[in-house]
Amino acid sequence: MILLEMIILINNKNKIIMKLKQLLEGYAWERNSDGSLPTLADSTAKHEANLNEVGFEPDSAVVSAFNEVVKSYRTVTKGMDDDQAYKVSQQLAEFFT
């Protein structure tokens, strides 16, 4: 029984070490060919190219409705302090989720 528990512990330790090794060997960002990190402009351009490649077009009705919500939120919270405006934004977030 003890031998089985030791084998399980060793096996689990190896799995953890393997996962950590994969994380350490990986990288968070794709680097440029010279090893530098991409700039925000580079990332934005790549994202726009991906959207164009997919053919993404926002639904005009959704965009219009969202703009109306934002406009109404700004009108309603105009005279409020930050805490009150935050509470309204939280209520909106709860309503839409």
PDB file of N, CA and C in Angstrom:
ATOM      1  N   MET A   1       0.824  -1.197   0.000  1.00  0.00           N
ATOM      2  CA  MET A   1       0.000   0.000   0.000  1.00  0.00           C
ATOM      3  C   MET A   1       0.865   1.256   0.000  1.00  0.00           C
ATOM      4  N   ILE A   2       1.886   1.265   0.810  1.00  0.00           N
ATOM      5  CA  ILE A   2       2.777   2.424   0.879  1.00  0.00           C
ATOM      6  C   ILE A   2       3.493   2.602  -0.454  1.00  0.00           C
ATOM      7  N   LEU A   3       3.903   1.497  -1.061  1.00  0.00           N
ATOM      8  CA  LEU A   3       4.575   1.560  -2.351  1.00  0.00           C
ATOM      9  C   LEU A   3       3.654   2.165  -3.406  1.00  0.00           C
ATOM     10  N   LEU A   4       2.393   1.774  -3.406  1.00  0.00           N
ATOM     11  CA  LEU A   4       1.418   2.316  -4.350  1.00  0.00           C
ATOM     12  C   LEU A   4       1.241   3.820  -4.138  1.00  0.00           C
ATOM     13  N   GLU A   5       1.148   4.231  -2.865  1.00  0.00           N
ATOM     14  CA  GLU A   5       1.015   5.666  -2.574  1.00  0.00           C
ATOM     15  C   GLU A   5       2.239   6.426  -3.041  1.00  0.00           C
ATOM     16  N   MET A   6       3.439   5.849  -2.872  1.00  0.00           N
ATOM     17  CA  MET A   6       4.669   6.516  -3.314  1.00  0.00           C
ATOM     18  C   MET A   6       4.689   6.641  -4.832  1.00  0.00           C
ATOM     19  N   ILE A   7       4.237   5.606  -5.525  1.00  0.00           N
ATOM     20  CA  ILE A   7       4.196   5.645  -6.994  1.00  0.00           C
ATOM     21  C   ILE A   7       3.227   6.727  -7.456  1.00  0.00           C
ATOM     22  N   ILE A   8       2.075   6.811  -6.793  1.00  0.00           N
ATOM     23  CA  ILE A   8       1.094   7.833  -7.152  1.00  0.00           C
ATOM     24  C   ILE A   8       1.663   9.223  -6.908  1.00  0.00           C
ATOM     25  N   LEU A   9       2.337   9.431  -5.782  1.00  0.00           N
ATOM     26  CA  LEU A   9       2.943  10.727  -5.486  1.00  0.00           C
ATOM     27  C   LEU A   9       4.003  11.100  -6.512  1.00  0.00           C
ATOM     28  N   ILE A  10       4.849  10.127  -6.849  1.00  0.00           N
ATOM     29  CA  ILE A  10       5.893  10.380  -7.849  1.00  0.00           C
ATOM     30  C   ILE A  10       5.264  10.710  -9.198  1.00  0.00           C
ATOM     31  N   ASN A  11       4.232   9.967  -9.574  1.00  0.00           N
ATOM     32  CA  ASN A  11       3.543  10.192 -10.845  1.00  0.00           C
ATOM     33  C   ASN A  11       2.926  11.588 -10.872  1.00  0.00           C
ATOM     34  N   ASN A  12       2.244  11.973  -9.796  1.00  0.00           N
ATOM     35  CA  ASN A  12       1.635  13.295  -9.723  1.00  0.00           C
ATOM     36  C   ASN A  12       2.699  14.387  -9.755  1.00  0.00           C
ATOM     37  N   LYS A  13       3.823  14.155  -9.067  1.00  0.00           N
ATOM     38  CA  LYS A  13       4.910  15.138  -9.068  1.00  0.00           C
ATOM     39  C   LYS A  13       5.459  15.315 -10.480  1.00  0.00           C
ATOM     40  N   ASN A  14       5.612  14.211 -11.210  1.00  0.00           N
ATOM     41  CA  ASN A  14       6.105  14.293 -12.580  1.00  0.00           C
ATOM     42  C   ASN A  14       5.141  15.057 -13.476  1.00  0.00           C
ATOM     43  N   LYS A  15       3.832  14.853 -13.254  1.00  0.00           N
ATOM     44  CA  LYS A  15       2.837  15.581 -14.047  1.00  0.00           C
ATOM     45  C   LYS A  15       2.930  17.069 -13.769  1.00  0.00           C
ATOM     46  N   ILE A  16       3.090  17.422 -12.500  1.00  0.00           N
ATOM     47  CA  ILE A  16       3.197  18.839 -12.140  1.00  0.00           C
ATOM     48  C   ILE A  16       4.462  19.436 -12.733  1.00  0.00           C
ATOM     49  N   ILE A  17       5.557  18.713 -12.646  1.00  0.00           N
ATOM     50  CA  ILE A  17       6.817  19.211 -13.205  1.00  0.00           C
ATOM     51  C   ILE A  17       6.694  19.365 -14.714  1.00  0.00           C
ATOM     52  N   MET A  18       6.031  18.419 -15.373  1.00  0.00           N
ATOM     53  CA  MET A  18       5.852  18.513 -16.819  1.00  0.00           C
ATOM     54  C   MET A  18       5.029  19.748 -17.183  1.00  0.00           C
ATOM     55  N   LYS A  19       3.956  20.010 -16.427  1.00  0.00           N
ATOM     56  CA  LYS A  19       3.129  21.172 -16.710  1.00  0.00           C
ATOM     57  C   LYS A  19       3.897  22.460 -16.481  1.00  0.00           C
ATOM     58  N   LEU A  20       4.664  22.536 -15.384  1.00  0.00           N
ATOM     59  CA  LEU A  20       5.467  23.721 -15.127  1.00  0.00           C
ATOM     60  C   LEU A  20       6.507  23.921 -16.219  1.00  0.00           C
ATOM     61  N   LYS A  21       7.112  22.834 -16.659  1.00  0.00           N
ATOM     62  CA  LYS A  21       8.113  22.924 -17.720  1.00  0.00           C
ATOM     63  C   LYS A  21       7.482  23.461 -19.004  1.00  0.00           C
ATOM     64  N   GLN A  22       6.265  22.997 -19.317  1.00  0.00           N
ATOM     65  CA  GLN A  22       5.572  23.496 -20.510  1.00  0.00           C
ATOM     66  C   GLN A  22       5.281  24.988 -20.383  1.00  0.00           C
ATOM     67  N   LEU A  23       4.896  25.416 -19.182  1.00  0.00           N
ATOM     68  CA  LEU A  23       4.631  26.835 -18.979  1.00  0.00           C
ATOM     69  C   LEU A  23       5.900  27.664 -19.121  1.00  0.00           C
ATOM     70  N   LEU A  24       6.994  27.167 -18.561  1.00  0.00           N
ATOM     71  CA  LEU A  24       8.249  27.907 -18.629  1.00  0.00           C
ATOM     72  C   LEU A  24       8.813  27.950 -20.043  1.00  0.00           C
ATOM     73  N   GLU A  25       8.612  26.886 -20.786  1.00  0.00           N
ATOM     74  CA  GLU A  25       9.115  26.849 -22.152  1.00  0.00           C
ATOM     75  C   GLU A  25       8.260  27.691 -23.092  1.00  0.00           C
ATOM     76  N   GLY A  26       6.991  27.870 -22.747  1.00  0.00           N
ATOM     77  CA  GLY A  26       6.099  28.674 -23.572  1.00  0.00           C
ATOM     78  C   GLY A  26       6.383  30.148 -23.392  1.00  0.00           C
ATOM     79  N   TYR A  27       5.647  30.964 -24.094  1.00  0.00           N
ATOM     80  CA  TYR A  27       5.812  32.401 -23.962  1.00  0.00           C
ATOM     81  C   TYR A  27       4.444  33.059 -24.041  1.00  0.00           C
ATOM     82  N   ALA A  28       4.334  34.207 -23.416  1.00  0.00           N
ATOM     83  CA  ALA A  28       3.044  34.886 -23.338  1.00  0.00           C
ATOM     84  C   ALA A  28       2.727  35.652 -24.614  1.00  0.00           C
ATOM     85  N   TRP A  29       3.746  36.153 -25.294  1.00  0.00           N
ATOM     86  CA  TRP A  29       3.511  36.934 -26.499  1.00  0.00           C
ATOM     87  C   TRP A  29       4.324  36.361 -27.642  1.00  0.00           C
ATOM     88  N   GLU A  30       3.794  36.539 -28.817  1.00  0.00           N
ATOM     89  CA  GLU A  30       4.566  36.173 -29.995  1.00  0.00           C
ATOM     90  C   GLU A  30       5.582  37.274 -30.226  1.00  0.00           C
ATOM     91  N   ARG A  31       6.827  36.912 -30.323  1.00  0.00           N
ATOM     92  CA  ARG A  31       7.877  37.910 -30.511  1.00  0.00           C
ATOM     93  C   ARG A  31       8.128  38.127 -31.997  1.00  0.00           C
ATOM     94  N   ASN A  32       8.669  39.302 -32.312  1.00  0.00           N
ATOM     95  CA  ASN A  32       9.076  39.603 -33.673  1.00  0.00           C
ATOM     96  C   ASN A  32      10.308  38.779 -34.021  1.00  0.00           C
ATOM     97  N   SER A  33      10.682  38.767 -35.285  1.00  0.00           N
ATOM     98  CA  SER A  33      11.818  37.955 -35.715  1.00  0.00           C
ATOM     99  C   SER A  33      13.120  38.389 -35.041  1.00  0.00           C
ATOM    100  N   ASP A  34      13.225  39.662 -34.641  1.00  0.00           N
ATOM    101  CA  ASP A  34      14.436  40.131 -33.965  1.00  0.00           C
ATOM    102  C   ASP A  34      14.399  39.892 -32.454  1.00  0.00           C
ATOM    103  N   GLY A  35      13.324  39.273 -31.957  1.00  0.00           N
ATOM    104  CA  GLY A  35      13.219  38.953 -30.537  1.00  0.00           C
ATOM    105  C   GLY A  35      12.486  39.991 -29.713  1.00  0.00           C
ATOM    106  N   SER A  36      12.147  41.127 -30.312  1.00  0.00           N
ATOM    107  CA  SER A  36      11.447  42.166 -29.565  1.00  0.00           C
ATOM    108  C   SER A  36       9.952  41.857 -29.497  1.00  0.00           C
ATOM    109  N   LEU A  37       9.302  42.464 -28.525  1.00  0.00           N
ATOM    110  CA  LEU A  37       7.860  42.284 -28.394  1.00  0.00           C
ATOM    111  C   LEU A  37       7.128  43.196 -29.374  1.00  0.00           C
ATOM    112  N   PRO A  38       5.966  42.778 -29.862  1.00  0.00           N
ATOM    113  CA  PRO A  38       5.210  43.634 -30.777  1.00  0.00           C
ATOM    114  C   PRO A  38       4.670  44.872 -30.051  1.00  0.00           C
ATOM    115  N   THR A  39       4.545  45.949 -30.788  1.00  0.00           N
ATOM    116  CA  THR A  39       3.986  47.175 -30.223  1.00  0.00           C
ATOM    117  C   THR A  39       2.464  47.088 -30.248  1.00  0.00           C
ATOM    118  N   LEU A  40       1.820  48.044 -29.601  1.00  0.00           N
ATOM    119  CA  LEU A  40       0.366  48.094 -29.624  1.00  0.00           C
ATOM    120  C   LEU A  40      -0.137  48.281 -31.053  1.00  0.00           C
ATOM    121  N   ALA A  41       0.563  49.096 -31.830  1.00  0.00           N
ATOM    122  CA  ALA A  41       0.170  49.315 -33.228  1.00  0.00           C
ATOM    123  C   ALA A  41       0.257  48.011 -34.027  1.00  0.00           C
ATOM    124  N   ASP A  42       1.304  47.229 -33.775  1.00  0.00           N
ATOM    125  CA  ASP A  42       1.453  45.939 -34.459  1.00  0.00           C
ATOM    126  C   ASP A  42       0.284  45.010 -34.121  1.00  0.00           C
ATOM    127  N   SER A  43      -0.033  44.943 -32.833  1.00  0.00           N
ATOM    128  CA  SER A  43      -1.119  44.064 -32.388  1.00  0.00           C
ATOM    129  C   SER A  43      -2.465  44.516 -32.934  1.00  0.00           C
ATOM    130  N   THR A  44      -2.691  45.830 -32.944  1.00  0.00           N
ATOM    131  CA  THR A  44      -3.943  46.368 -33.473  1.00  0.00           C
ATOM    132  C   THR A  44      -4.072  46.061 -34.959  1.00  0.00           C
ATOM    133  N   ALA A  45      -2.999  46.244 -35.705  1.00  0.00           N
ATOM    134  CA  ALA A  45      -3.020  45.956 -37.135  1.00  0.00           C
ATOM    135  C   ALA A  45      -3.291  44.477 -37.396  1.00  0.00           C
ATOM    136  N   LYS A  46      -2.667  43.615 -36.604  1.00  0.00           N
ATOM    137  CA  LYS A  46      -2.889  42.179 -36.771  1.00  0.00           C
ATOM    138  C   LYS A  46      -4.338  41.816 -36.459  1.00  0.00           C
ATOM    139  N   HIS A  47      -4.892  42.420 -35.408  1.00  0.00           N
ATOM    140  CA  HIS A  47      -6.282  42.153 -35.035  1.00  0.00           C
ATOM    141  C   HIS A  47      -7.231  42.614 -36.139  1.00  0.00           C
ATOM    142  N   GLU A  48      -7.006  43.796 -36.675  1.00  0.00           N
ATOM    143  CA  GLU A  48      -7.864  44.301 -37.759  1.00  0.00           C
ATOM    144  C   GLU A  48      -7.762  43.425 -38.995  1.00  0.00           C
ATOM    145  N   ALA A  49      -6.554  42.946 -39.282  1.00  0.00           N
ATOM    146  CA  ALA A  49      -6.381  42.052 -40.430  1.00  0.00           C
ATOM    147  C   ALA A  49      -7.157  40.757 -40.215  1.00  0.00           C
ATOM    148  N   ASN A  50      -7.144  40.245 -38.983  1.00  0.00           N
ATOM    149  CA  ASN A  50      -7.905  39.025 -38.680  1.00  0.00           C
ATOM    150  C   ASN A  50      -9.400  39.262 -38.824  1.00  0.00           C
ATOM    151  N   LEU A  51      -9.878  40.421 -38.366  1.00  0.00           N
ATOM    152  CA  LEU A  51     -11.304  40.731 -38.504  1.00  0.00           C
ATOM    153  C   LEU A  51     -11.694  40.837 -39.971  1.00  0.00           C
ATOM    154  N   ASN A  52     -10.855  41.483 -40.770  1.00  0.00           N
ATOM    155  CA  ASN A  52     -11.143  41.616 -42.199  1.00  0.00           C
ATOM    156  C   ASN A  52     -11.105  40.256 -42.889  1.00  0.00           C
ATOM    157  N   GLU A  53     -10.201  39.394 -42.448  1.00  0.00           N
ATOM    158  CA  GLU A  53     -10.080  38.067 -43.041  1.00  0.00           C
ATOM    159  C   GLU A  53     -11.341  37.239 -42.775  1.00  0.00           C
ATOM    160  N   VAL A  54     -11.882  37.374 -41.581  1.00  0.00           N
ATOM    161  CA  VAL A  54     -13.082  36.642 -41.218  1.00  0.00           C
ATOM    162  C   VAL A  54     -14.308  37.276 -41.855  1.00  0.00           C
ATOM    163  N   GLY A  55     -14.234  38.545 -42.153  1.00  0.00           N
ATOM    164  CA  GLY A  55     -15.358  39.263 -42.723  1.00  0.00           C
ATOM    165  C   GLY A  55     -16.322  39.740 -41.656  1.00  0.00           C
ATOM    166  N   PHE A  56     -15.778  40.156 -40.519  1.00  0.00           N
ATOM    167  CA  PHE A  56     -16.594  40.603 -39.404  1.00  0.00           C
ATOM    168  C   PHE A  56     -17.201  41.964 -39.707  1.00  0.00           C
ATOM    169  N   GLU A  57     -18.505  42.040 -39.599  1.00  0.00           N
ATOM    170  CA  GLU A  57     -19.207  43.312 -39.719  1.00  0.00           C
ATOM    171  C   GLU A  57     -20.178  43.406 -38.556  1.00  0.00           C
ATOM    172  N   PRO A  58     -20.048  44.467 -37.744  1.00  0.00           N
ATOM    173  CA  PRO A  58     -20.963  44.579 -36.600  1.00  0.00           C
ATOM    174  C   PRO A  58     -22.393  44.817 -37.068  1.00  0.00           C
ATOM    175  N   ASP A  59     -23.339  44.272 -36.342  1.00  0.00           N
ATOM    176  CA  ASP A  59     -24.755  44.448 -36.620  1.00  0.00           C
ATOM    177  C   ASP A  59     -25.141  45.879 -36.280  1.00  0.00           C
ATOM    178  N   SER A  60     -25.619  46.615 -37.239  1.00  0.00           N
ATOM    179  CA  SER A  60     -25.920  48.036 -37.037  1.00  0.00           C
ATOM    180  C   SER A  60     -27.003  48.245 -35.981  1.00  0.00           C
ATOM    181  N   ALA A  61     -27.952  47.333 -35.876  1.00  0.00           N
ATOM    182  CA  ALA A  61     -29.003  47.459 -34.863  1.00  0.00           C
ATOM    183  C   ALA A  61     -28.423  47.312 -33.460  1.00  0.00           C
ATOM    184  N   VAL A  62     -27.480  46.389 -33.295  1.00  0.00           N
ATOM    185  CA  VAL A  62     -26.842  46.184 -31.995  1.00  0.00           C
ATOM    186  C   VAL A  62     -25.996  47.398 -31.635  1.00  0.00           C
ATOM    187  N   VAL A  63     -25.237  47.886 -32.582  1.00  0.00           N
ATOM    188  CA  VAL A  63     -24.402  49.071 -32.340  1.00  0.00           C
ATOM    189  C   VAL A  63     -25.276  50.263 -31.982  1.00  0.00           C
ATOM    190  N   SER A  64     -26.363  50.445 -32.688  1.00  0.00           N
ATOM    191  CA  SER A  64     -27.274  51.553 -32.411  1.00  0.00           C
ATOM    192  C   SER A  64     -27.882  51.430 -31.018  1.00  0.00           C
ATOM    193  N   ALA A  65     -28.312  50.242 -30.653  1.00  0.00           N
ATOM    194  CA  ALA A  65     -28.895  50.025 -29.324  1.00  0.00           C
ATOM    195  C   ALA A  65     -27.865  50.272 -28.230  1.00  0.00           C
ATOM    196  N   PHE A  66     -26.644  49.803 -28.437  1.00  0.00           N
ATOM    197  CA  PHE A  66     -25.587  50.026 -27.455  1.00  0.00           C
ATOM    198  C   PHE A  66     -25.301  51.511 -27.286  1.00  0.00           C
ATOM    199  N   ASN A  67     -25.233  52.222 -28.392  1.00  0.00           N
ATOM    200  CA  ASN A  67     -24.989  53.665 -28.327  1.00  0.00           C
ATOM    201  C   ASN A  67     -26.101  54.388 -27.582  1.00  0.00           C
ATOM    202  N   GLU A  68     -27.334  53.937 -27.733  1.00  0.00           N
ATOM    203  CA  GLU A  68     -28.456  54.532 -26.994  1.00  0.00           C
ATOM    204  C   GLU A  68     -28.333  54.271 -25.496  1.00  0.00           C
ATOM    205  N   VAL A  69     -27.903  53.069 -25.126  1.00  0.00           N
ATOM    206  CA  VAL A  69     -27.716  52.741 -23.713  1.00  0.00           C
ATOM    207  C   VAL A  69     -26.634  53.629 -23.111  1.00  0.00           C
ATOM    208  N   VAL A  70     -25.527  53.780 -23.825  1.00  0.00           N
ATOM    209  CA  VAL A  70     -24.433  54.625 -23.335  1.00  0.00           C
ATOM    210  C   VAL A  70     -24.888  56.072 -23.212  1.00  0.00           C
ATOM    211  N   LYS A  71     -25.601  56.552 -24.198  1.00  0.00           N
ATOM    212  CA  LYS A  71     -26.107  57.930 -24.169  1.00  0.00           C
ATOM    213  C   LYS A  71     -27.042  58.139 -22.968  1.00  0.00           C
ATOM    214  N   SER A  72     -27.941  57.192 -22.730  1.00  0.00           N
ATOM    215  CA  SER A  72     -28.864  57.288 -21.600  1.00  0.00           C
ATOM    216  C   SER A  72     -28.121  57.213 -20.272  1.00  0.00           C
ATOM    217  N   TYR A  73     -27.131  56.337 -20.186  1.00  0.00           N
ATOM    218  CA  TYR A  73     -26.326  56.220 -18.964  1.00  0.00           C
ATOM    219  C   TYR A  73     -25.642  57.545 -18.651  1.00  0.00           C
ATOM    220  N   ARG A  74     -25.058  58.162 -19.658  1.00  0.00           N
ATOM    221  CA  ARG A  74     -24.372  59.447 -19.447  1.00  0.00           C
ATOM    222  C   ARG A  74     -25.348  60.537 -19.018  1.00  0.00           C
ATOM    223  N   THR A  75     -26.543  60.532 -19.587  1.00  0.00           N
ATOM    224  CA  THR A  75     -27.561  61.524 -19.222  1.00  0.00           C
ATOM    225  C   THR A  75     -28.008  61.332 -17.776  1.00  0.00           C
ATOM    226  N   VAL A  76     -28.267  60.087 -17.399  1.00  0.00           N
ATOM    227  CA  VAL A  76     -28.770  59.787 -16.060  1.00  0.00           C
ATOM    228  C   VAL A  76     -27.719  60.068 -14.990  1.00  0.00           C
ATOM    229  N   THR A  77     -26.467  59.775 -15.260  1.00  0.00           N
ATOM    230  CA  THR A  77     -25.423  59.908 -14.241  1.00  0.00           C
ATOM    231  C   THR A  77     -24.732  61.264 -14.265  1.00  0.00           C
ATOM    232  N   LYS A  78     -25.235  62.193 -15.037  1.00  0.00           N
ATOM    233  CA  LYS A  78     -24.572  63.491 -15.195  1.00  0.00           C
ATOM    234  C   LYS A  78     -24.356  64.213 -13.868  1.00  0.00           C
ATOM    235  N   GLY A  79     -25.360  64.283 -12.994  1.00  0.00           N
ATOM    236  CA  GLY A  79     -25.228  65.004 -11.744  1.00  0.00           C
ATOM    237  C   GLY A  79     -24.815  64.152 -10.561  1.00  0.00           C
ATOM    238  N   MET A  80     -24.502  62.889 -10.790  1.00  0.00           N
ATOM    239  CA  MET A  80     -24.180  61.974  -9.690  1.00  0.00           C
ATOM    240  C   MET A  80     -22.695  62.001  -9.363  1.00  0.00           C
ATOM    241  N   ASP A  81     -22.398  61.638  -8.101  1.00  0.00           N
ATOM    242  CA  ASP A  81     -20.981  61.476  -7.763  1.00  0.00           C
ATOM    243  C   ASP A  81     -20.522  60.108  -8.271  1.00  0.00           C
ATOM    244  N   ASP A  82     -19.238  59.828  -8.128  1.00  0.00           N
ATOM    245  CA  ASP A  82     -18.664  58.604  -8.694  1.00  0.00           C
ATOM    246  C   ASP A  82     -19.279  57.331  -8.106  1.00  0.00           C
ATOM    247  N   ASP A  83     -19.546  57.341  -6.800  1.00  0.00           N
ATOM    248  CA  ASP A  83     -20.118  56.145  -6.166  1.00  0.00           C
ATOM    249  C   ASP A  83     -21.512  55.837  -6.703  1.00  0.00           C
ATOM    250  N   GLN A  84     -22.323  56.866  -6.858  1.00  0.00           N
ATOM    251  CA  GLN A  84     -23.677  56.662  -7.382  1.00  0.00           C
ATOM    252  C   GLN A  84     -23.630  56.181  -8.830  1.00  0.00           C
ATOM    253  N   ALA A  85     -22.768  56.793  -9.628  1.00  0.00           N
ATOM    254  CA  ALA A  85     -22.644  56.397 -11.032  1.00  0.00           C
ATOM    255  C   ALA A  85     -22.157  54.949 -11.137  1.00  0.00           C
ATOM    256  N   TYR A  86     -21.265  54.564 -10.241  1.00  0.00           N
ATOM    257  CA  TYR A  86     -20.759  53.192 -10.238  1.00  0.00           C
ATOM    258  C   TYR A  86     -21.889  52.214  -9.929  1.00  0.00           C
ATOM    259  N   LYS A  87     -22.737  52.561  -8.954  1.00  0.00           N
ATOM    260  CA  LYS A  87     -23.861  51.693  -8.606  1.00  0.00           C
ATOM    261  C   LYS A  87     -24.813  51.510  -9.790  1.00  0.00           C
ATOM    262  N   VAL A  88     -25.050  52.594 -10.529  1.00  0.00           N
ATOM    263  CA  VAL A  88     -25.909  52.497 -11.712  1.00  0.00           C
ATOM    264  C   VAL A  88     -25.259  51.582 -12.750  1.00  0.00           C
ATOM    265  N   SER A  89     -23.951  51.726 -12.939  1.00  0.00           N
ATOM    266  CA  SER A  89     -23.268  50.878 -13.929  1.00  0.00           C
ATOM    267  C   SER A  89     -23.320  49.410 -13.513  1.00  0.00           C
ATOM    268  N   GLN A  90     -23.228  49.136 -12.205  1.00  0.00           N
ATOM    269  CA  GLN A  90     -23.320  47.760 -11.729  1.00  0.00           C
ATOM    270  C   GLN A  90     -24.717  47.192 -11.971  1.00  0.00           C
ATOM    271  N   GLN A  91     -25.736  48.013 -11.747  1.00  0.00           N
ATOM    272  CA  GLN A  91     -27.116  47.564 -12.013  1.00  0.00           C
ATOM    273  C   GLN A  91     -27.315  47.265 -13.482  1.00  0.00           C
ATOM    274  N   LEU A  92     -26.750  48.091 -14.352  1.00  0.00           N
ATOM    275  CA  LEU A  92     -26.837  47.840 -15.794  1.00  0.00           C
ATOM    276  C   LEU A  92     -26.147  46.530 -16.149  1.00  0.00           C
ATOM    277  N   ALA A  93     -24.966  46.325 -15.580  1.00  0.00           N
ATOM    278  CA  ALA A  93     -24.214  45.100 -15.869  1.00  0.00           C
ATOM    279  C   ALA A  93     -24.992  43.872 -15.420  1.00  0.00           C
ATOM    280  N   GLU A  94     -25.617  43.947 -14.250  1.00  0.00           N
ATOM    281  CA  GLU A  94     -26.416  42.818 -13.760  1.00  0.00           C
ATOM    282  C   GLU A  94     -27.635  42.577 -14.668  1.00  0.00           C
ATOM    283  N   PHE A  95     -28.221  43.659 -15.145  1.00  0.00           N
ATOM    284  CA  PHE A  95     -29.402  43.544 -15.995  1.00  0.00           C
ATOM    285  C   PHE A  95     -29.067  42.850 -17.311  1.00  0.00           C
ATOM    286  N   PHE A  96     -27.911  43.160 -17.882  1.00  0.00           N
ATOM    287  CA  PHE A  96     -27.556  42.632 -19.191  1.00  0.00           C
ATOM    288  C   PHE A  96     -26.833  41.296 -19.134  1.00  0.00           C
ATOM    289  N   THR A  97     -26.586  40.772 -17.939  1.00  0.00           N
ATOM    290  CA  THR A  97     -25.917  39.461 -17.877  1.00  0.00           C
ATOM    291  C   THR A  97     -26.879  38.383 -17.456  1.00  0.00           C
TER     292      THR A  97
END
